[in-house]
Amino acid sequence: MPAADRLMADYPEVNIEFSCGQRLVDIAKEGFDAGVRLGEQVAKDMIAVPIRPDMSMVVAGSADYFKDQPIPETPHDLTDHVCINLRLPTLGGLYAWEFEKDGRALNARVDGQFICNDPDLAIDAALSDHGLACLPDDHLEDMIANGRLIRVLEDWCPPFPGYHLYYPSRRQVSSAFRLLVDALRYRR
């Protein structure tokens, strides 16, 4: 049973409201008790509690796509590939694919005919042989496990802090909120 379901079953007097979107929100300014972001996006003055394990980005394409294309060995090889771009409202533009190896970071601006603002559309495009997609591992792990997509450049995609629940450090928290934090906390 998901943690939020357990909490609501055990404490029916606790109300939880979710507001989902891709834009970055100032939770204090907009009246939220807490938010969820990737660990590296949480402001330093916030308390951050991990609620998911670390993640990594995955570059993947279909087996049919790779019938006519060589497997890229480095991010520089992506210039010879059709890539599926993702437009993120949090970044204000196209996502630059982020890589790192041996402590050396590299951002790649990729080209392709398909641009979308939804990970599911990018996955559909990759599954339909339209190019390579670069998304967080939790979006692609099932398709890689069942062989529908082939992961490439894995050694260039190190882990990074996964999703965190965050809230202002200066705020007094209620016992119900403490219960929510404890129920959602990821335990390694």
C-alpha atoms as a PDB file:
ATOM      1  CA  MET A   1       0.000   0.000   0.000  1.00  0.00           C
ATOM      2  CA  PRO A   2       1.499   3.423  -0.923  1.00  0.00           C
ATOM      3  CA  ALA A   3       2.630   5.535   2.039  1.00  0.00           C
ATOM      4  CA  ALA A   4      -0.019   8.248   1.535  1.00  0.00           C
ATOM      5  CA  ASP A   5      -2.762   5.567   1.482  1.00  0.00           C
ATOM      6  CA  ARG A   6      -1.452   4.065   4.735  1.00  0.00           C
ATOM      7  CA  LEU A   7      -1.357   7.491   6.353  1.00  0.00           C
ATOM      8  CA  MET A   8      -4.921   8.342   5.317  1.00  0.00           C
ATOM      9  CA  ALA A   9      -6.187   4.923   6.463  1.00  0.00           C
ATOM     10  CA  ASP A  10      -4.471   5.221   9.859  1.00  0.00           C
ATOM     11  CA  TYR A  11      -5.311   8.909  10.362  1.00  0.00           C
ATOM     12  CA  PRO A  12      -8.643   9.695   8.680  1.00  0.00           C
ATOM     13  CA  GLU A  13      -8.631  13.191  10.222  1.00  0.00           C
ATOM     14  CA  VAL A  14      -5.604  14.184   8.092  1.00  0.00           C
ATOM     15  CA  ASN A  15      -6.438  15.928   4.808  1.00  0.00           C
ATOM     16  CA  ILE A  16      -4.004  15.823   1.901  1.00  0.00           C
ATOM     17  CA  GLU A  17      -4.312  17.986  -1.206  1.00  0.00           C
ATOM     18  CA  PHE A  18      -2.040  17.375  -4.207  1.00  0.00           C
ATOM     19  CA  SER A  19      -1.366  19.996  -6.884  1.00  0.00           C
ATOM     20  CA  CYS A  20       0.616  18.529  -9.785  1.00  0.00           C
ATOM     21  CA  GLY A  21       2.457  20.420 -12.491  1.00  0.00           C
ATOM     22  CA  GLN A  22       5.849  20.831 -14.094  1.00  0.00           C
ATOM     23  CA  ARG A  23       6.542  24.418 -13.083  1.00  0.00           C
ATOM     24  CA  LEU A  24       8.717  25.221 -10.080  1.00  0.00           C
ATOM     25  CA  VAL A  25       6.557  26.686  -7.313  1.00  0.00           C
ATOM     26  CA  ASP A  26       7.521  28.904  -4.379  1.00  0.00           C
ATOM     27  CA  ILE A  27       5.667  26.829  -1.782  1.00  0.00           C
ATOM     28  CA  ALA A  28       5.777  29.467   0.959  1.00  0.00           C
ATOM     29  CA  LYS A  29       4.526  32.227  -1.326  1.00  0.00           C
ATOM     30  CA  GLU A  30       1.728  30.079  -2.785  1.00  0.00           C
ATOM     31  CA  GLY A  31       0.557  28.705   0.567  1.00  0.00           C
ATOM     32  CA  PHE A  32       1.697  25.082   0.310  1.00  0.00           C
ATOM     33  CA  ASP A  33       2.960  23.166   3.338  1.00  0.00           C
ATOM     34  CA  ALA A  34       5.458  21.179   1.277  1.00  0.00           C
ATOM     35  CA  GLY A  35       6.566  20.348  -2.234  1.00  0.00           C
ATOM     36  CA  VAL A  36       8.314  17.577  -4.131  1.00  0.00           C
ATOM     37  CA  ARG A  37      11.413  18.190  -6.268  1.00  0.00           C
ATOM     38  CA  LEU A  38      14.558  16.440  -7.334  1.00  0.00           C
ATOM     39  CA  GLY A  39      17.123  16.739  -4.561  1.00  0.00           C
ATOM     40  CA  GLU A  40      19.409  19.037  -6.549  1.00  0.00           C
ATOM     41  CA  GLN A  41      16.533  21.503  -7.121  1.00  0.00           C
ATOM     42  CA  VAL A  42      15.673  22.028  -3.442  1.00  0.00           C
ATOM     43  CA  ALA A  43      16.739  25.428  -2.066  1.00  0.00           C
ATOM     44  CA  LYS A  44      19.354  25.318   0.697  1.00  0.00           C
ATOM     45  CA  ASP A  45      17.052  26.981   3.270  1.00  0.00           C
ATOM     46  CA  MET A  46      14.530  24.126   3.013  1.00  0.00           C
ATOM     47  CA  ILE A  47      14.376  20.865   4.893  1.00  0.00           C
ATOM     48  CA  ALA A  48      14.612  18.069   2.327  1.00  0.00           C
ATOM     49  CA  VAL A  49      13.518  14.503   3.036  1.00  0.00           C
ATOM     50  CA  PRO A  50      14.229  11.804   0.424  1.00  0.00           C
ATOM     51  CA  ILE A  51      11.061  10.018  -0.704  1.00  0.00           C
ATOM     52  CA  ARG A  52      12.557   8.027  -3.613  1.00  0.00           C
ATOM     53  CA  PRO A  53      15.979   6.449  -4.257  1.00  0.00           C
ATOM     54  CA  ASP A  54      18.667   8.164  -6.294  1.00  0.00           C
ATOM     55  CA  MET A  55      17.997   8.263 -10.027  1.00  0.00           C
ATOM     56  CA  SER A  56      19.948   8.486 -13.250  1.00  0.00           C
ATOM     57  CA  MET A  57      19.168   9.719 -16.717  1.00  0.00           C
ATOM     58  CA  VAL A  58      18.788   7.104 -19.436  1.00  0.00           C
ATOM     59  CA  VAL A  59      19.422   7.490 -23.146  1.00  0.00           C
ATOM     60  CA  ALA A  60      17.569   4.818 -25.093  1.00  0.00           C
ATOM     61  CA  GLY A  61      16.258   3.930 -28.527  1.00  0.00           C
ATOM     62  CA  SER A  62      14.415   1.043 -30.112  1.00  0.00           C
ATOM     63  CA  ALA A  63      16.131  -2.010 -31.582  1.00  0.00           C
ATOM     64  CA  ASP A  64      14.748  -1.058 -35.007  1.00  0.00           C
ATOM     65  CA  TYR A  65      16.279   2.413 -34.693  1.00  0.00           C
ATOM     66  CA  PHE A  66      19.688   0.815 -34.037  1.00  0.00           C
ATOM     67  CA  LYS A  67      19.414  -1.475 -37.080  1.00  0.00           C
ATOM     68  CA  ASP A  68      20.530   1.477 -39.216  1.00  0.00           C
ATOM     69  CA  GLN A  69      22.484   3.456 -36.604  1.00  0.00           C
ATOM     70  CA  PRO A  70      25.684   2.719 -34.683  1.00  0.00           C
ATOM     71  CA  ILE A  71      25.519   2.599 -30.896  1.00  0.00           C
ATOM     72  CA  PRO A  72      26.843   5.930 -29.559  1.00  0.00           C
ATOM     73  CA  GLU A  73      30.000   5.498 -27.467  1.00  0.00           C
ATOM     74  CA  THR A  74      30.192   9.073 -26.149  1.00  0.00           C
ATOM     75  CA  PRO A  75      27.762  12.020 -25.974  1.00  0.00           C
ATOM     76  CA  HIS A  76      29.693  13.565 -28.895  1.00  0.00           C
ATOM     77  CA  ASP A  77      28.392  10.711 -31.075  1.00  0.00           C
ATOM     78  CA  LEU A  78      24.838  12.040 -30.606  1.00  0.00           C
ATOM     79  CA  THR A  79      25.485  14.536 -33.428  1.00  0.00           C
ATOM     80  CA  ASP A  80      25.135  11.545 -35.783  1.00  0.00           C
ATOM     81  CA  HIS A  81      21.782  10.521 -34.278  1.00  0.00           C
ATOM     82  CA  VAL A  82      18.180  11.668 -34.363  1.00  0.00           C
ATOM     83  CA  CYS A  83      17.274  12.756 -30.834  1.00  0.00           C
ATOM     84  CA  ILE A  84      13.906  13.460 -29.264  1.00  0.00           C
ATOM     85  CA  ASN A  85      13.960  16.847 -27.541  1.00  0.00           C
ATOM     86  CA  LEU A  86      12.022  17.619 -24.401  1.00  0.00           C
ATOM     87  CA  ARG A  87      10.790  21.145 -23.674  1.00  0.00           C
ATOM     88  CA  LEU A  88      10.569  21.708 -19.930  1.00  0.00           C
ATOM     89  CA  PRO A  89       8.682  24.688 -18.529  1.00  0.00           C
ATOM     90  CA  THR A  90      10.947  24.631 -15.465  1.00  0.00           C
ATOM     91  CA  LEU A  91      13.951  25.359 -17.692  1.00  0.00           C
ATOM     92  CA  GLY A  92      12.283  27.752 -20.096  1.00  0.00           C
ATOM     93  CA  GLY A  93      13.497  25.886 -23.143  1.00  0.00           C
ATOM     94  CA  LEU A  94      14.769  22.603 -24.501  1.00  0.00           C
ATOM     95  CA  TYR A  95      16.412  20.238 -22.054  1.00  0.00           C
ATOM     96  CA  ALA A  96      20.162  19.976 -22.648  1.00  0.00           C
ATOM     97  CA  TRP A  97      21.087  16.340 -22.108  1.00  0.00           C
ATOM     98  CA  GLU A  98      23.361  16.140 -19.062  1.00  0.00           C
ATOM     99  CA  PHE A  99      26.258  13.718 -18.882  1.00  0.00           C
ATOM    100  CA  GLU A 100      29.203  13.118 -16.586  1.00  0.00           C
ATOM    101  CA  LYS A 101      32.159  10.778 -16.612  1.00  0.00           C
ATOM    102  CA  ASP A 102      35.285  10.727 -14.463  1.00  0.00           C
ATOM    103  CA  GLY A 103      34.170  13.951 -12.787  1.00  0.00           C
ATOM    104  CA  ARG A 104      33.819  15.764 -16.118  1.00  0.00           C
ATOM    105  CA  ALA A 105      30.365  17.199 -16.816  1.00  0.00           C
ATOM    106  CA  LEU A 106      29.101  17.616 -20.369  1.00  0.00           C
ATOM    107  CA  ASN A 107      25.810  19.106 -21.559  1.00  0.00           C
ATOM    108  CA  ALA A 108      24.718  18.199 -25.078  1.00  0.00           C
ATOM    109  CA  ARG A 109      22.249  20.145 -27.190  1.00  0.00           C
ATOM    110  CA  VAL A 110      20.784  17.522 -29.492  1.00  0.00           C
ATOM    111  CA  ASP A 111      18.943  17.720 -32.793  1.00  0.00           C
ATOM    112  CA  GLY A 112      15.906  15.901 -34.034  1.00  0.00           C
ATOM    113  CA  GLN A 113      12.589  16.409 -35.733  1.00  0.00           C
ATOM    114  CA  PHE A 114      10.453  15.642 -32.686  1.00  0.00           C
ATOM    115  CA  ILE A 115      10.046  18.028 -29.725  1.00  0.00           C
ATOM    116  CA  CYS A 116       7.497  17.522 -26.957  1.00  0.00           C
ATOM    117  CA  ASN A 117       6.824  18.651 -23.409  1.00  0.00           C
ATOM    118  CA  ASP A 118       5.658  15.303 -22.055  1.00  0.00           C
ATOM    119  CA  PRO A 119       7.849  12.301 -21.149  1.00  0.00           C
ATOM    120  CA  ASP A 120       5.168   9.842 -22.299  1.00  0.00           C
ATOM    121  CA  LEU A 121       5.191  11.373 -25.793  1.00  0.00           C
ATOM    122  CA  ALA A 122       8.990  11.143 -25.889  1.00  0.00           C
ATOM    123  CA  ILE A 123       8.754   7.468 -24.909  1.00  0.00           C
ATOM    124  CA  ASP A 124       6.145   6.809 -27.615  1.00  0.00           C
ATOM    125  CA  ALA A 125       8.402   8.485 -30.188  1.00  0.00           C
ATOM    126  CA  ALA A 126      11.389   6.356 -29.131  1.00  0.00           C
ATOM    127  CA  LEU A 127       9.279   3.176 -29.187  1.00  0.00           C
ATOM    128  CA  SER A 128       8.118   4.162 -32.706  1.00  0.00           C
ATOM    129  CA  ASP A 129      11.735   4.298 -33.946  1.00  0.00           C
ATOM    130  CA  HIS A 130      11.826   8.114 -34.224  1.00  0.00           C
ATOM    131  CA  GLY A 131      15.107   8.521 -32.356  1.00  0.00           C
ATOM    132  CA  LEU A 132      16.804   8.482 -28.989  1.00  0.00           C
ATOM    133  CA  ALA A 133      15.115   9.715 -25.828  1.00  0.00           C
ATOM    134  CA  CYS A 134      16.810  10.944 -22.659  1.00  0.00           C
ATOM    135  CA  LEU A 135      14.630  10.621 -19.556  1.00  0.00           C
ATOM    136  CA  PRO A 136      14.905   9.675 -15.871  1.00  0.00           C
ATOM    137  CA  ASP A 137      15.346   5.940 -15.340  1.00  0.00           C
ATOM    138  CA  ASP A 138      11.970   5.486 -13.654  1.00  0.00           C
ATOM    139  CA  HIS A 139      10.264   6.427 -16.946  1.00  0.00           C
ATOM    140  CA  LEU A 140      12.137   3.855 -19.051  1.00  0.00           C
ATOM    141  CA  GLU A 141      13.106   0.961 -16.777  1.00  0.00           C
ATOM    142  CA  ASP A 142      10.179  -1.297 -17.790  1.00  0.00           C
ATOM    143  CA  MET A 143      10.751  -0.783 -21.527  1.00  0.00           C
ATOM    144  CA  ILE A 144      14.468  -1.509 -21.138  1.00  0.00           C
ATOM    145  CA  ALA A 145      13.811  -4.572 -18.964  1.00  0.00           C
ATOM    146  CA  ASN A 146      11.440  -6.073 -21.538  1.00  0.00           C
ATOM    147  CA  GLY A 147      13.739  -5.241 -24.482  1.00  0.00           C
ATOM    148  CA  ARG A 148      11.502  -2.654 -26.152  1.00  0.00           C
ATOM    149  CA  LEU A 149      14.239  -0.025 -25.722  1.00  0.00           C
ATOM    150  CA  ILE A 150      18.021  -0.337 -25.663  1.00  0.00           C
ATOM    151  CA  ARG A 151      19.954   1.748 -23.136  1.00  0.00           C
ATOM    152  CA  VAL A 152      23.114   3.488 -24.366  1.00  0.00           C
ATOM    153  CA  LEU A 153      25.753   5.767 -22.810  1.00  0.00           C
ATOM    154  CA  GLU A 154      25.079   4.255 -19.391  1.00  0.00           C
ATOM    155  CA  ASP A 155      28.607   4.986 -18.155  1.00  0.00           C
ATOM    156  CA  TRP A 156      27.965   8.691 -18.898  1.00  0.00           C
ATOM    157  CA  CYS A 157      24.800   8.834 -16.744  1.00  0.00           C
ATOM    158  CA  PRO A 158      25.728   8.749 -13.038  1.00  0.00           C
ATOM    159  CA  PRO A 159      23.121   8.748 -10.279  1.00  0.00           C
ATOM    160  CA  PHE A 160      21.795  11.977  -8.781  1.00  0.00           C
ATOM    161  CA  PRO A 161      19.542  12.721  -5.783  1.00  0.00           C
ATOM    162  CA  GLY A 162      16.008  11.460  -6.420  1.00  0.00           C
ATOM    163  CA  TYR A 163      12.729  13.042  -5.358  1.00  0.00           C
ATOM    164  CA  HIS A 164      12.553  14.833  -2.024  1.00  0.00           C
ATOM    165  CA  LEU A 165       9.682  16.224  -0.003  1.00  0.00           C
ATOM    166  CA  TYR A 166      10.751  19.704   1.066  1.00  0.00           C
ATOM    167  CA  TYR A 167       9.372  22.360   3.388  1.00  0.00           C
ATOM    168  CA  PRO A 168      10.543  25.618   4.994  1.00  0.00           C
ATOM    169  CA  SER A 169      13.016  25.173   7.838  1.00  0.00           C
ATOM    170  CA  ARG A 170      11.559  28.144   9.739  1.00  0.00           C
ATOM    171  CA  ARG A 171       8.066  26.706   9.970  1.00  0.00           C
ATOM    172  CA  GLN A 172       6.587  24.940  12.988  1.00  0.00           C
ATOM    173  CA  VAL A 173       5.172  21.628  11.749  1.00  0.00           C
ATOM    174  CA  SER A 174       2.071  19.888  13.072  1.00  0.00           C
ATOM    175  CA  SER A 175       2.067  16.321  14.341  1.00  0.00           C
ATOM    176  CA  ALA A 176      -0.044  15.337  11.288  1.00  0.00           C
ATOM    177  CA  PHE A 177       2.586  16.835   8.976  1.00  0.00           C
ATOM    178  CA  ARG A 178       5.334  14.982  10.858  1.00  0.00           C
ATOM    179  CA  LEU A 179       3.381  11.749  10.308  1.00  0.00           C
ATOM    180  CA  LEU A 180       3.154  12.490   6.575  1.00  0.00           C
ATOM    181  CA  VAL A 181       6.897  13.146   6.364  1.00  0.00           C
ATOM    182  CA  ASP A 182       7.653   9.916   8.214  1.00  0.00           C
ATOM    183  CA  ALA A 183       5.238   7.896   6.049  1.00  0.00           C
ATOM    184  CA  LEU A 184       6.777   9.205   2.802  1.00  0.00           C
ATOM    185  CA  ARG A 185      10.439   9.049   3.890  1.00  0.00           C
ATOM    186  CA  TYR A 186      12.520   6.733   1.689  1.00  0.00           C
ATOM    187  CA  ARG A 187      14.551   4.320   3.771  1.00  0.00           C
ATOM    188  CA  ARG A 188      17.616   2.949   2.079  1.00  0.00           C
END
